[in-house]
Amino acid sequence: MENEPRNINLQVGVKALLKRKDGKYLLIRRSPVKYPEAPNRWDIVGGRINPGETLLQNLKREIKEETNLDLIEEPELIAAQDILKVQGHDERHVVRLTYIGNIEGEPTLDTEENVEYAWFTLKEIEAVEDLDIYFKELLDKNVISG
């Protein structure tokens, strides 16, 4: 019935496409243990926010936790996506905010979350077959230019 209450869990996620001075972008390969729904997919850094912290605080925390790197300037918000997921009787609505930001140095990965990293040009990213579907959606919509 349409008037039945739905159990929808609203979450907000922040992601960052991180770029270094030579114009290459950082992608990380997600752990198949921690992320069985998207095993071994290449993705960008990020995760869910902690309520009570600003979006930028959350983004900086996620970048630090996953790569041990810091943004070197204010990132630019480039996209907002609605991600609707149904799991049994529970539904999730994730609002995913994607930023682009500059970094320096090489990542040190949290290997419980990510098993590998690599640097890619934008053209190389477009050729990667096993990309996160929501990141690929942004590429397909030409939201990212470099």
N, C-alpha and C. Protein backbone atom coordinates (compact mmCIF):
# COMPACT_ATOMS: atom_id res chain seq x y z
N MET A 1 0.83 -1.18 0.00
CA MET A 1 0.00 0.00 0.00
C MET A 1 0.87 1.25 0.00
N GLU A 2 0.42 2.25 -0.71
CA GLU A 2 1.22 3.45 -0.83
C GLU A 2 1.30 4.24 0.46
N ASN A 3 0.30 4.15 1.34
CA ASN A 3 0.30 4.94 2.56
C ASN A 3 1.01 4.26 3.72
N GLU A 4 1.54 3.04 3.50
CA GLU A 4 2.28 2.37 4.57
C GLU A 4 3.56 3.13 4.88
N PRO A 5 3.88 3.28 6.17
CA PRO A 5 5.13 3.96 6.51
C PRO A 5 6.32 3.14 6.02
N ARG A 6 7.31 3.83 5.52
CA ARG A 6 8.51 3.18 5.04
C ARG A 6 9.65 3.45 6.00
N ASN A 7 10.47 2.45 6.19
CA ASN A 7 11.63 2.60 7.05
C ASN A 7 12.82 2.98 6.18
N ILE A 8 13.00 4.29 5.98
CA ILE A 8 14.10 4.78 5.14
C ILE A 8 15.16 5.40 6.04
N ASN A 9 16.38 4.91 5.90
CA ASN A 9 17.51 5.40 6.66
C ASN A 9 18.25 6.42 5.79
N LEU A 10 18.25 7.69 6.18
CA LEU A 10 18.92 8.74 5.43
C LEU A 10 20.36 8.86 5.91
N GLN A 11 21.30 8.81 4.97
CA GLN A 11 22.71 8.96 5.28
C GLN A 11 23.32 9.97 4.32
N VAL A 12 24.38 10.63 4.76
CA VAL A 12 25.11 11.56 3.91
C VAL A 12 26.54 11.07 3.81
N GLY A 13 27.05 11.05 2.59
CA GLY A 13 28.43 10.65 2.36
C GLY A 13 29.19 11.77 1.69
N VAL A 14 30.49 11.84 1.99
CA VAL A 14 31.37 12.81 1.32
C VAL A 14 32.49 12.03 0.65
N LYS A 15 32.79 12.41 -0.58
CA LYS A 15 33.83 11.76 -1.38
C LYS A 15 34.73 12.83 -1.96
N ALA A 16 35.98 12.44 -2.26
CA ALA A 16 36.92 13.40 -2.85
C ALA A 16 37.73 12.75 -3.95
N LEU A 17 37.72 13.39 -5.10
CA LEU A 17 38.63 13.05 -6.17
C LEU A 17 39.88 13.88 -5.90
N LEU A 18 40.95 13.20 -5.54
CA LEU A 18 42.17 13.88 -5.10
C LEU A 18 43.17 13.97 -6.25
N LYS A 19 43.70 15.16 -6.44
CA LYS A 19 44.59 15.44 -7.57
C LYS A 19 45.94 15.94 -7.05
N ARG A 20 47.00 15.44 -7.68
CA ARG A 20 48.32 15.94 -7.32
C ARG A 20 48.82 16.91 -8.40
N LYS A 21 49.96 17.55 -8.15
CA LYS A 21 50.45 18.62 -9.02
C LYS A 21 50.66 18.21 -10.46
N ASP A 22 51.00 16.93 -10.71
CA ASP A 22 51.24 16.50 -12.09
C ASP A 22 49.95 16.23 -12.86
N GLY A 23 48.79 16.49 -12.22
CA GLY A 23 47.52 16.32 -12.90
C GLY A 23 46.92 14.93 -12.80
N LYS A 24 47.58 14.02 -12.08
CA LYS A 24 47.03 12.67 -11.92
C LYS A 24 46.13 12.62 -10.69
N TYR A 25 45.16 11.70 -10.77
CA TYR A 25 44.15 11.55 -9.72
C TYR A 25 44.34 10.22 -8.98
N LEU A 26 44.02 10.25 -7.70
CA LEU A 26 44.15 9.06 -6.86
C LEU A 26 42.87 8.23 -6.88
N LEU A 27 43.02 6.96 -7.19
CA LEU A 27 41.93 6.00 -7.03
C LEU A 27 42.39 4.93 -6.06
N ILE A 28 41.44 4.42 -5.28
CA ILE A 28 41.73 3.34 -4.34
C ILE A 28 40.86 2.15 -4.68
N ARG A 29 41.39 0.97 -4.42
CA ARG A 29 40.62 -0.26 -4.67
C ARG A 29 40.06 -0.72 -3.33
N ARG A 30 38.74 -0.81 -3.27
CA ARG A 30 38.04 -1.17 -2.03
C ARG A 30 38.28 -2.63 -1.63
N SER A 31 38.37 -2.86 -0.34
CA SER A 31 38.57 -4.20 0.20
C SER A 31 37.34 -5.07 -0.04
N PRO A 32 37.52 -6.27 -0.61
CA PRO A 32 36.37 -7.15 -0.81
C PRO A 32 35.81 -7.69 0.51
N VAL A 33 36.61 -7.65 1.57
CA VAL A 33 36.14 -8.10 2.89
C VAL A 33 35.19 -7.06 3.49
N LYS A 34 35.61 -5.80 3.48
CA LYS A 34 34.79 -4.74 4.08
C LYS A 34 33.65 -4.31 3.16
N TYR A 35 33.85 -4.40 1.85
CA TYR A 35 32.84 -3.95 0.88
C TYR A 35 32.46 -5.10 -0.06
N PRO A 36 31.79 -6.14 0.47
CA PRO A 36 31.45 -7.29 -0.39
C PRO A 36 30.46 -6.95 -1.50
N GLU A 37 29.70 -5.84 -1.33
CA GLU A 37 28.74 -5.45 -2.36
C GLU A 37 29.44 -4.83 -3.57
N ALA A 38 30.67 -4.40 -3.41
CA ALA A 38 31.43 -3.79 -4.51
C ALA A 38 32.88 -4.27 -4.47
N PRO A 39 33.09 -5.58 -4.56
CA PRO A 39 34.44 -6.11 -4.36
C PRO A 39 35.42 -5.64 -5.43
N ASN A 40 36.57 -5.21 -4.96
CA ASN A 40 37.70 -4.84 -5.83
C ASN A 40 37.40 -3.71 -6.82
N ARG A 41 36.43 -2.89 -6.54
CA ARG A 41 36.14 -1.76 -7.42
C ARG A 41 37.09 -0.60 -7.10
N TRP A 42 37.50 0.12 -8.13
CA TRP A 42 38.25 1.35 -7.95
C TRP A 42 37.26 2.45 -7.59
N ASP A 43 37.64 3.27 -6.63
CA ASP A 43 36.76 4.32 -6.15
C ASP A 43 37.60 5.51 -5.73
N ILE A 44 36.92 6.56 -5.30
CA ILE A 44 37.59 7.72 -4.74
C ILE A 44 37.42 7.67 -3.22
N VAL A 45 38.24 8.41 -2.53
CA VAL A 45 38.27 8.41 -1.07
C VAL A 45 36.99 9.02 -0.50
N GLY A 46 36.52 8.46 0.61
CA GLY A 46 35.40 9.07 1.29
C GLY A 46 34.56 8.08 2.07
N GLY A 47 33.50 8.59 2.68
CA GLY A 47 32.62 7.75 3.46
C GLY A 47 31.49 8.57 4.06
N ARG A 48 30.77 7.96 4.99
CA ARG A 48 29.62 8.61 5.63
C ARG A 48 30.09 9.67 6.62
N ILE A 49 29.23 10.67 6.81
CA ILE A 49 29.58 11.75 7.75
C ILE A 49 29.21 11.34 9.18
N ASN A 50 29.89 11.96 10.11
CA ASN A 50 29.53 11.88 11.52
C ASN A 50 28.70 13.12 11.84
N PRO A 51 27.43 12.95 12.26
CA PRO A 51 26.62 14.11 12.60
C PRO A 51 27.32 14.97 13.65
N GLY A 52 27.18 16.27 13.51
CA GLY A 52 27.81 17.20 14.46
C GLY A 52 29.12 17.76 13.96
N GLU A 53 29.67 17.17 12.90
CA GLU A 53 30.88 17.70 12.26
C GLU A 53 30.46 18.31 10.92
N THR A 54 31.16 19.34 10.48
CA THR A 54 30.84 19.93 9.19
C THR A 54 31.20 18.96 8.06
N LEU A 55 30.65 19.22 6.88
CA LEU A 55 30.98 18.39 5.73
C LEU A 55 32.48 18.38 5.47
N LEU A 56 33.11 19.56 5.57
CA LEU A 56 34.55 19.65 5.32
C LEU A 56 35.35 18.91 6.39
N GLN A 57 34.94 18.99 7.63
CA GLN A 57 35.61 18.23 8.69
C GLN A 57 35.51 16.73 8.41
N ASN A 58 34.33 16.28 8.01
CA ASN A 58 34.14 14.87 7.69
C ASN A 58 35.01 14.45 6.51
N LEU A 59 35.05 15.29 5.48
CA LEU A 59 35.85 14.96 4.30
C LEU A 59 37.33 14.85 4.67
N LYS A 60 37.83 15.81 5.41
CA LYS A 60 39.24 15.78 5.83
C LYS A 60 39.52 14.55 6.68
N ARG A 61 38.59 14.19 7.56
CA ARG A 61 38.77 13.00 8.40
C ARG A 61 38.84 11.74 7.54
N GLU A 62 37.92 11.61 6.60
CA GLU A 62 37.91 10.42 5.73
C GLU A 62 39.20 10.32 4.92
N ILE A 63 39.66 11.44 4.38
CA ILE A 63 40.91 11.44 3.61
C ILE A 63 42.07 11.00 4.50
N LYS A 64 42.12 11.54 5.71
CA LYS A 64 43.21 11.20 6.65
C LYS A 64 43.14 9.73 7.04
N GLU A 65 41.93 9.23 7.37
CA GLU A 65 41.78 7.84 7.79
C GLU A 65 42.17 6.87 6.68
N GLU A 66 41.76 7.17 5.44
CA GLU A 66 41.97 6.22 4.36
C GLU A 66 43.33 6.33 3.68
N THR A 67 43.94 7.52 3.71
CA THR A 67 45.20 7.70 2.95
C THR A 67 46.34 8.30 3.76
N ASN A 68 46.05 8.84 4.93
CA ASN A 68 47.01 9.57 5.74
C ASN A 68 47.54 10.82 5.02
N LEU A 69 46.72 11.39 4.15
CA LEU A 69 47.07 12.62 3.44
C LEU A 69 46.16 13.76 3.90
N ASP A 70 46.58 14.99 3.62
CA ASP A 70 45.80 16.18 3.96
C ASP A 70 45.57 17.00 2.70
N LEU A 71 44.39 17.61 2.64
CA LEU A 71 44.12 18.57 1.56
C LEU A 71 45.07 19.76 1.70
N ILE A 72 45.52 20.32 0.58
CA ILE A 72 46.42 21.48 0.67
C ILE A 72 45.68 22.80 0.42
N GLU A 73 44.42 22.72 0.08
CA GLU A 73 43.59 23.92 -0.06
C GLU A 73 42.13 23.50 0.00
N GLU A 74 41.25 24.48 0.02
CA GLU A 74 39.81 24.21 0.09
C GLU A 74 39.35 23.41 -1.13
N PRO A 75 38.65 22.29 -0.93
CA PRO A 75 38.18 21.50 -2.06
C PRO A 75 36.95 22.16 -2.70
N GLU A 76 36.67 21.76 -3.94
CA GLU A 76 35.51 22.29 -4.66
C GLU A 76 34.44 21.20 -4.75
N LEU A 77 33.21 21.55 -4.37
CA LEU A 77 32.08 20.64 -4.51
C LEU A 77 31.72 20.55 -5.99
N ILE A 78 31.73 19.31 -6.55
CA ILE A 78 31.46 19.17 -7.98
C ILE A 78 30.18 18.42 -8.28
N ALA A 79 29.62 17.70 -7.29
CA ALA A 79 28.40 16.94 -7.59
C ALA A 79 27.68 16.51 -6.32
N ALA A 80 26.37 16.33 -6.47
CA ALA A 80 25.54 15.73 -5.43
C ALA A 80 24.72 14.64 -6.09
N GLN A 81 24.68 13.47 -5.47
CA GLN A 81 23.96 12.34 -6.04
C GLN A 81 23.01 11.76 -5.01
N ASP A 82 21.87 11.27 -5.48
CA ASP A 82 20.95 10.49 -4.67
C ASP A 82 21.22 9.02 -4.96
N ILE A 83 21.46 8.26 -3.91
CA ILE A 83 21.67 6.82 -4.06
C ILE A 83 20.60 6.14 -3.22
N LEU A 84 19.72 5.42 -3.89
CA LEU A 84 18.62 4.73 -3.21
C LEU A 84 18.89 3.24 -3.23
N LYS A 85 18.91 2.62 -2.06
CA LYS A 85 19.19 1.19 -1.96
C LYS A 85 18.10 0.52 -1.15
N VAL A 86 17.67 -0.63 -1.61
CA VAL A 86 16.67 -1.42 -0.89
C VAL A 86 17.32 -2.73 -0.48
N GLN A 87 17.23 -3.03 0.81
CA GLN A 87 17.75 -4.29 1.34
C GLN A 87 16.66 -4.91 2.20
N GLY A 88 15.92 -5.87 1.65
CA GLY A 88 14.81 -6.45 2.38
C GLY A 88 13.74 -5.40 2.60
N HIS A 89 13.34 -5.21 3.86
CA HIS A 89 12.34 -4.20 4.18
C HIS A 89 12.96 -2.86 4.51
N ASP A 90 14.28 -2.82 4.60
CA ASP A 90 14.96 -1.57 4.92
C ASP A 90 15.42 -0.89 3.64
N GLU A 91 15.29 0.41 3.62
CA GLU A 91 15.76 1.19 2.48
C GLU A 91 16.75 2.23 2.98
N ARG A 92 17.73 2.51 2.15
CA ARG A 92 18.70 3.57 2.45
C ARG A 92 18.63 4.62 1.36
N HIS A 93 18.65 5.85 1.79
CA HIS A 93 18.77 6.97 0.87
C HIS A 93 20.07 7.67 1.26
N VAL A 94 21.07 7.55 0.41
CA VAL A 94 22.36 8.17 0.67
C VAL A 94 22.48 9.39 -0.24
N VAL A 95 22.77 10.52 0.36
CA VAL A 95 23.09 11.72 -0.40
C VAL A 95 24.62 11.79 -0.42
N ARG A 96 25.18 11.68 -1.62
CA ARG A 96 26.63 11.62 -1.78
C ARG A 96 27.12 12.92 -2.39
N LEU A 97 27.98 13.62 -1.65
CA LEU A 97 28.56 14.87 -2.11
C LEU A 97 30.00 14.60 -2.53
N THR A 98 30.33 14.96 -3.76
CA THR A 98 31.67 14.69 -4.28
C THR A 98 32.40 16.01 -4.50
N TYR A 99 33.63 16.02 -4.01
CA TYR A 99 34.51 17.18 -4.10
C TYR A 99 35.72 16.83 -4.95
N ILE A 100 36.42 17.85 -5.42
CA ILE A 100 37.73 17.66 -6.02
C ILE A 100 38.69 18.50 -5.20
N GLY A 101 39.83 17.90 -4.85
CA GLY A 101 40.78 18.60 -4.00
C GLY A 101 42.21 18.24 -4.35
N ASN A 102 43.13 19.10 -3.96
CA ASN A 102 44.54 18.91 -4.23
C ASN A 102 45.27 18.36 -3.01
N ILE A 103 46.20 17.44 -3.30
CA ILE A 103 47.00 16.84 -2.23
C ILE A 103 48.44 16.74 -2.70
N GLU A 104 49.32 16.47 -1.74
CA GLU A 104 50.73 16.20 -2.02
C GLU A 104 51.12 14.95 -1.27
N GLY A 105 52.08 14.21 -1.81
CA GLY A 105 52.61 13.04 -1.13
C GLY A 105 51.99 11.75 -1.65
N GLU A 106 52.44 10.66 -1.07
CA GLU A 106 51.95 9.33 -1.41
C GLU A 106 51.08 8.81 -0.27
N PRO A 107 49.98 8.15 -0.60
CA PRO A 107 49.09 7.63 0.45
C PRO A 107 49.71 6.48 1.24
N THR A 108 49.29 6.39 2.47
CA THR A 108 49.50 5.20 3.29
C THR A 108 48.11 4.68 3.58
N LEU A 109 47.75 3.55 2.98
CA LEU A 109 46.37 3.07 3.04
C LEU A 109 46.03 2.40 4.35
N ASP A 110 44.78 2.57 4.77
CA ASP A 110 44.17 1.74 5.80
C ASP A 110 43.74 0.47 5.07
N THR A 111 44.51 -0.60 5.21
CA THR A 111 44.29 -1.80 4.40
C THR A 111 43.05 -2.59 4.81
N GLU A 112 42.39 -2.22 5.90
CA GLU A 112 41.10 -2.84 6.21
C GLU A 112 40.02 -2.31 5.27
N GLU A 113 40.21 -1.09 4.78
CA GLU A 113 39.23 -0.47 3.89
C GLU A 113 39.62 -0.58 2.42
N ASN A 114 40.90 -0.41 2.14
CA ASN A 114 41.37 -0.34 0.76
C ASN A 114 42.63 -1.18 0.60
N VAL A 115 42.70 -1.91 -0.50
CA VAL A 115 43.80 -2.86 -0.68
C VAL A 115 44.87 -2.36 -1.65
N GLU A 116 44.59 -1.28 -2.37
CA GLU A 116 45.53 -0.82 -3.38
C GLU A 116 45.19 0.61 -3.75
N TYR A 117 46.20 1.34 -4.22
CA TYR A 117 45.95 2.66 -4.79
C TYR A 117 46.78 2.82 -6.05
N ALA A 118 46.36 3.76 -6.89
CA ALA A 118 47.11 4.07 -8.10
C ALA A 118 46.75 5.48 -8.54
N TRP A 119 47.65 6.09 -9.30
CA TRP A 119 47.45 7.41 -9.86
C TRP A 119 47.09 7.27 -11.33
N PHE A 120 46.09 8.02 -11.78
CA PHE A 120 45.60 7.93 -13.15
C PHE A 120 45.40 9.33 -13.73
N THR A 121 45.58 9.45 -15.02
CA THR A 121 45.11 10.65 -15.72
C THR A 121 43.61 10.49 -15.88
N LEU A 122 42.93 11.57 -16.21
CA LEU A 122 41.48 11.49 -16.42
C LEU A 122 41.17 10.54 -17.57
N LYS A 123 41.96 10.59 -18.62
CA LYS A 123 41.75 9.70 -19.77
C LYS A 123 41.92 8.24 -19.35
N GLU A 124 42.91 7.95 -18.50
CA GLU A 124 43.12 6.59 -18.01
C GLU A 124 41.95 6.13 -17.13
N ILE A 125 41.43 7.04 -16.30
CA ILE A 125 40.29 6.70 -15.45
C ILE A 125 39.09 6.30 -16.30
N GLU A 126 38.87 7.03 -17.38
CA GLU A 126 37.73 6.74 -18.26
C GLU A 126 37.82 5.35 -18.87
N ALA A 127 39.03 4.77 -18.95
CA ALA A 127 39.23 3.44 -19.52
C ALA A 127 39.17 2.32 -18.48
N VAL A 128 39.15 2.67 -17.19
CA VAL A 128 39.10 1.65 -16.13
C VAL A 128 37.73 0.99 -16.15
N GLU A 129 37.70 -0.34 -16.21
CA GLU A 129 36.43 -1.06 -16.32
C GLU A 129 35.73 -1.29 -14.99
N ASP A 130 36.48 -1.49 -13.93
CA ASP A 130 35.87 -1.84 -12.64
C ASP A 130 35.81 -0.65 -11.68
N LEU A 131 35.18 0.44 -12.17
CA LEU A 131 34.99 1.63 -11.35
C LEU A 131 33.72 1.51 -10.51
N ASP A 132 33.73 2.19 -9.38
CA ASP A 132 32.52 2.36 -8.58
C ASP A 132 31.44 2.96 -9.48
N ILE A 133 30.23 2.39 -9.42
CA ILE A 133 29.19 2.80 -10.37
C ILE A 133 28.76 4.26 -10.19
N TYR A 134 28.83 4.78 -8.97
CA TYR A 134 28.41 6.16 -8.74
C TYR A 134 29.48 7.14 -9.18
N PHE A 135 30.74 6.78 -9.05
CA PHE A 135 31.83 7.60 -9.58
C PHE A 135 31.78 7.58 -11.11
N LYS A 136 31.51 6.40 -11.69
CA LYS A 136 31.41 6.28 -13.15
C LYS A 136 30.27 7.16 -13.67
N GLU A 137 29.19 7.22 -12.92
CA GLU A 137 28.06 8.08 -13.32
C GLU A 137 28.50 9.53 -13.48
N LEU A 138 29.35 10.00 -12.58
CA LEU A 138 29.86 11.37 -12.67
C LEU A 138 30.73 11.55 -13.91
N LEU A 139 31.56 10.56 -14.19
CA LEU A 139 32.39 10.62 -15.40
C LEU A 139 31.52 10.67 -16.66
N ASP A 140 30.50 9.80 -16.68
CA ASP A 140 29.63 9.73 -17.84
C ASP A 140 28.86 11.02 -18.06
N LYS A 141 28.59 11.75 -16.99
CA LYS A 141 27.87 13.02 -17.11
C LYS A 141 28.82 14.21 -17.34
N ASN A 142 30.10 13.90 -17.50
CA ASN A 142 31.13 14.94 -17.73
C ASN A 142 31.18 15.99 -16.62
N VAL A 143 30.95 15.55 -15.39
CA VAL A 143 31.01 16.45 -14.24
C VAL A 143 32.47 16.80 -13.94
N ILE A 144 33.36 15.87 -14.26
CA ILE A 144 34.77 16.03 -13.96
C ILE A 144 35.52 16.38 -15.24
N SER A 145 36.27 17.46 -15.19
CA SER A 145 37.09 17.81 -16.34
C SER A 145 38.50 18.14 -15.84
N GLY A 146 39.46 17.78 -16.59
CA GLY A 146 40.81 18.03 -16.12
C GLY A 146 41.72 18.17 -17.26
